[in-house]
């Protein structure tokens, strides 16, 4: 029986849907595309989680909370850099300092939630974690940034939680595979394999979170039906260009 043949696609990849209409899958695709184009600059984003993992034992909840809370400024610094890379932002020193302060508080409060139930911590970060890009990208003050983070999260909270959770799941599943590969092929210890996997893969979560801010900001004041219409129109336009 002859094998079926499919037409080859040699043109450029299809353009991304507009932020208001992007699905979680396209968020992941755009994140990977951004990471590939900014790989060297984005690689330091993996250091916060790599450090936290090296200092934490998986079976000690109190230790996990302490380490996550203590490293919250480092995680925040990574998110500040991710926001700059994702949006091409050049914030002032004052904005960076404010973003560091607000982000550190938000992440420190998430530490016990992340250590106990990751999904609860993700839900918290999906609601208030966007204070960082609100300051870095939009230049907002402290109170306005907090209100803005809550506003864009409420615009599509399912997308906010689902997008962040998908990025985290993608990271962990890929890390398991890469960790196993590093241990079997390079004869690394588990600690070294985890360190390398964290450094290479965890920037996906940081960059994806920064891009998620754009998706949510575009949905403020737009109901579900309008988002569906925008997605359908964008898909129709893409199909028309491909013909």
Protein backbone atom coordinates (compact mmCIF):
# COMPACT_ATOMS: atom_id res chain seq x y z
CA UNK A 1 0.00 0.00 0.00
CA UNK A 2 1.45 3.33 -1.04
CA UNK A 3 2.17 5.83 1.69
CA UNK A 4 0.07 8.99 1.50
CA UNK A 5 1.81 12.14 0.41
CA UNK A 6 1.12 15.50 1.91
CA UNK A 7 1.92 18.87 0.40
CA UNK A 8 5.10 20.42 1.73
CA UNK A 9 4.90 23.80 3.39
CA UNK A 10 7.97 25.81 2.44
CA UNK A 11 6.74 29.29 3.22
CA UNK A 12 7.08 31.27 6.44
CA UNK A 13 5.16 30.12 9.52
CA UNK A 14 1.64 31.51 9.85
CA UNK A 15 1.37 34.81 11.69
CA UNK A 16 0.27 34.81 15.29
CA UNK A 17 -3.30 35.56 16.20
CA UNK A 18 -3.85 38.99 17.75
CA UNK A 19 -3.38 38.98 21.56
CA UNK A 20 -7.10 39.35 22.19
CA UNK A 21 -7.76 36.09 20.35
CA UNK A 22 -4.72 33.99 21.19
CA UNK A 23 -5.26 30.55 22.69
CA UNK A 24 -3.06 28.96 25.33
CA UNK A 25 -1.45 26.84 22.61
CA UNK A 26 -0.46 29.90 20.63
CA UNK A 27 0.85 31.55 23.79
CA UNK A 28 3.19 28.58 24.21
CA UNK A 29 4.23 28.76 20.55
CA UNK A 30 4.97 32.49 20.79
CA UNK A 31 6.92 31.89 24.00
CA UNK A 32 9.12 29.28 22.35
CA UNK A 33 9.62 31.55 19.35
CA UNK A 34 10.66 34.42 21.60
CA UNK A 35 13.02 32.20 23.60
CA UNK A 36 14.66 30.95 20.43
CA UNK A 37 15.25 34.49 19.17
CA UNK A 38 16.57 35.75 22.53
CA UNK A 39 18.24 32.58 23.77
CA UNK A 40 21.52 34.03 25.05
CA UNK A 41 19.88 37.03 26.71
CA UNK A 42 17.10 34.88 28.18
CA UNK A 43 19.31 32.12 29.59
CA UNK A 44 19.96 33.98 32.90
CA UNK A 45 16.21 33.74 33.55
CA UNK A 46 16.83 30.11 34.49
CA UNK A 47 19.12 30.96 37.40
CA UNK A 48 16.45 31.78 40.04
CA UNK A 49 14.73 28.41 39.87
CA UNK A 50 18.04 26.60 39.50
CA UNK A 51 19.26 28.22 42.72
CA UNK A 52 16.02 27.51 44.59
CA UNK A 53 16.02 23.86 43.50
CA UNK A 54 19.60 23.36 44.66
CA UNK A 55 18.75 24.75 48.10
CA UNK A 56 15.48 22.87 48.61
CA UNK A 57 14.63 19.33 49.61
CA UNK A 58 11.39 18.14 48.05
CA UNK A 59 10.08 16.56 51.27
CA UNK A 60 10.52 19.59 53.55
CA UNK A 61 7.62 22.06 53.23
CA UNK A 62 8.98 24.61 55.70
CA UNK A 63 12.37 24.64 54.02
CA UNK A 64 10.70 25.08 50.63
CA UNK A 65 8.71 28.06 51.88
CA UNK A 66 11.79 29.68 53.41
CA UNK A 67 13.88 29.19 50.27
CA UNK A 68 11.16 30.45 47.92
CA UNK A 69 10.52 33.49 50.10
CA UNK A 70 14.24 34.22 50.43
CA UNK A 71 14.80 33.97 46.69
CA UNK A 72 11.72 35.99 45.75
CA UNK A 73 13.84 39.07 44.88
CA UNK A 74 15.85 36.91 42.46
CA UNK A 75 12.68 35.53 40.85
CA UNK A 76 11.37 39.08 40.56
CA UNK A 77 14.58 40.26 38.93
CA UNK A 78 14.18 37.47 36.40
CA UNK A 79 10.61 38.52 35.66
CA UNK A 80 11.72 42.13 35.24
CA UNK A 81 14.27 41.01 32.66
CA UNK A 82 11.70 38.77 30.95
CA UNK A 83 9.28 41.70 30.69
CA UNK A 84 11.99 43.82 29.10
CA UNK A 85 12.91 41.09 26.61
CA UNK A 86 9.32 40.28 25.70
CA UNK A 87 8.21 43.87 25.19
CA UNK A 88 11.42 45.69 24.30
CA UNK A 89 10.92 47.90 27.34
CA UNK A 90 13.60 50.22 28.68
CA UNK A 91 12.31 51.17 32.13
CA UNK A 92 13.77 53.85 34.33
CA UNK A 93 15.71 52.95 37.45
CA UNK A 94 12.73 54.08 39.52
CA UNK A 95 10.38 51.74 37.64
CA UNK A 96 12.79 48.82 38.07
CA UNK A 97 13.04 49.49 41.81
CA UNK A 98 9.25 49.68 42.16
CA UNK A 99 8.74 46.51 40.12
CA UNK A 100 11.31 44.74 42.27
CA UNK A 101 9.53 45.81 45.46
CA UNK A 102 6.02 44.87 44.34
CA UNK A 103 7.10 41.65 42.66
CA UNK A 104 9.08 40.52 45.69
CA UNK A 105 6.08 41.01 47.97
CA UNK A 106 3.73 39.17 45.58
CA UNK A 107 6.09 36.24 45.10
CA UNK A 108 6.97 35.99 48.79
CA UNK A 109 3.25 35.73 49.60
CA UNK A 110 2.95 33.00 46.96
CA UNK A 111 5.78 30.95 48.50
CA UNK A 112 3.68 28.93 51.00
CA UNK A 113 1.02 28.35 48.34
CA UNK A 114 3.53 27.11 45.77
CA UNK A 115 5.20 24.85 48.32
CA UNK A 116 1.86 23.31 49.36
CA UNK A 117 -0.27 23.22 46.19
CA UNK A 118 1.34 24.53 43.03
CA UNK A 119 -1.98 25.26 41.30
CA UNK A 120 -3.07 27.52 44.18
CA UNK A 121 0.19 29.42 43.92
CA UNK A 122 -0.31 29.72 40.17
CA UNK A 123 -3.81 31.10 40.73
CA UNK A 124 -2.36 33.75 43.07
CA UNK A 125 0.40 34.71 40.63
CA UNK A 126 -2.11 34.84 37.76
CA UNK A 127 -4.08 37.39 39.77
CA UNK A 128 -1.32 39.66 41.09
CA UNK A 129 1.93 38.61 39.41
CA UNK A 130 1.38 41.02 36.52
CA UNK A 131 2.25 43.98 38.74
CA UNK A 132 5.78 43.62 37.38
CA UNK A 133 5.00 44.15 33.66
CA UNK A 134 2.40 46.75 34.65
CA UNK A 135 5.27 48.82 36.05
CA UNK A 136 7.97 47.84 33.55
CA UNK A 137 5.90 47.98 30.35
CA UNK A 138 3.21 50.53 31.17
CA UNK A 139 5.13 52.66 33.68
CA UNK A 140 2.42 52.59 36.34
CA UNK A 141 2.77 53.56 39.98
CA UNK A 142 2.40 51.17 42.90
CA UNK A 143 -1.36 51.36 43.54
CA UNK A 144 -2.19 51.66 39.87
CA UNK A 145 -0.03 48.62 39.04
CA UNK A 146 -1.83 46.50 41.63
CA UNK A 147 -5.21 47.59 40.28
CA UNK A 148 -4.03 46.96 36.73
CA UNK A 149 -2.82 43.43 37.56
CA UNK A 150 -6.19 42.55 39.08
CA UNK A 151 -8.05 44.21 36.19
CA UNK A 152 -6.33 42.28 33.43
CA UNK A 153 -6.58 39.01 35.37
CA UNK A 154 -10.34 39.46 35.75
CA UNK A 155 -10.63 40.15 32.01
CA UNK A 156 -10.01 36.44 31.35
CA UNK A 157 -9.00 34.66 34.54
CA UNK A 158 -9.37 31.22 32.97
CA UNK A 159 -6.83 32.18 30.30
CA UNK A 160 -4.57 33.72 32.95
CA UNK A 161 -4.49 30.60 35.13
CA UNK A 162 -4.60 28.17 32.21
CA UNK A 163 -1.77 29.88 30.36
CA UNK A 164 0.50 30.02 33.38
CA UNK A 165 -0.34 26.46 34.42
CA UNK A 166 0.36 25.17 30.91
CA UNK A 167 3.77 26.84 30.88
CA UNK A 168 4.61 25.30 34.26
CA UNK A 169 3.45 21.84 33.18
CA UNK A 170 5.43 22.12 29.94
CA UNK A 171 8.51 23.07 31.93
CA UNK A 172 8.23 20.19 34.39
CA UNK A 173 7.51 17.53 31.79
CA UNK A 174 10.37 18.70 29.59
CA UNK A 175 12.67 18.93 32.59
CA UNK A 176 11.96 15.30 33.52
CA UNK A 177 12.96 14.21 30.02
CA UNK A 178 16.05 16.41 29.86
CA UNK A 179 17.13 15.44 33.37
CA UNK A 180 16.93 11.76 32.48
CA UNK A 181 18.85 12.34 29.26
CA UNK A 182 21.61 14.28 31.01
CA UNK A 183 22.00 11.63 33.69
CA UNK A 184 22.11 8.71 31.26
CA UNK A 185 24.20 10.19 28.44
CA UNK A 186 26.62 12.46 30.30
CA UNK A 187 26.93 10.52 33.58
CA UNK A 188 25.87 13.58 35.60
CA UNK A 189 24.62 13.40 39.16
CA UNK A 190 20.98 14.22 39.74
CA UNK A 191 21.83 17.62 41.25
CA UNK A 192 23.88 18.62 38.21
CA UNK A 193 21.23 17.34 35.80
CA UNK A 194 18.49 19.29 37.60
CA UNK A 195 20.65 22.41 37.63
CA UNK A 196 21.31 22.27 33.89
CA UNK A 197 17.70 21.46 33.07
CA UNK A 198 16.43 24.33 35.23
CA UNK A 199 18.79 26.85 33.65
CA UNK A 200 17.86 25.87 30.10
CA UNK A 201 14.11 25.31 30.48
CA UNK A 202 12.71 27.58 33.21
CA UNK A 203 13.08 30.78 31.10
CA UNK A 204 10.02 29.48 29.23
CA UNK A 205 7.83 30.22 32.26
CA UNK A 206 9.26 33.72 32.76
CA UNK A 207 8.95 34.73 29.11
CA UNK A 208 5.52 33.16 28.77
CA UNK A 209 4.29 35.04 31.81
CA UNK A 210 5.49 38.30 30.28
CA UNK A 211 3.71 37.56 26.99
CA UNK A 212 0.57 36.53 28.88
CA UNK A 213 0.37 40.10 30.18
CA UNK A 214 -0.17 41.34 26.61
CA UNK A 215 -2.90 38.79 25.94
CA UNK A 216 -4.79 39.72 29.08
CA UNK A 217 -4.36 43.47 28.66
CA UNK A 218 -5.91 43.22 25.18
CA UNK A 219 -8.98 41.49 26.65
CA UNK A 220 -9.93 44.19 29.12
CA UNK A 221 -13.42 45.34 28.21
CA UNK A 222 -13.83 42.59 25.59
CA UNK A 223 -16.37 39.86 26.33
CA UNK A 224 -16.10 36.20 25.32
CA UNK A 225 -18.27 36.54 22.22
CA UNK A 226 -16.15 39.40 20.92
CA UNK A 227 -13.00 37.34 21.49
CA UNK A 228 -14.51 34.44 19.54
CA UNK A 229 -15.41 36.75 16.67
CA UNK A 230 -11.91 38.24 16.66
CA UNK A 231 -10.39 34.75 16.62
CA UNK A 232 -12.66 33.63 13.77
CA UNK A 233 -11.84 36.74 11.72
CA UNK A 234 -8.11 36.27 12.30
CA UNK A 235 -8.29 32.61 11.31
CA UNK A 236 -10.24 33.49 8.15
CA UNK A 237 -7.62 36.09 7.25
CA UNK A 238 -4.82 33.57 7.80
CA UNK A 239 -6.54 31.00 5.60
CA UNK A 240 -7.02 33.61 2.89
CA UNK A 241 -3.31 34.46 2.92
CA UNK A 242 -2.29 30.81 2.70
CA UNK A 243 -4.37 30.18 -0.43
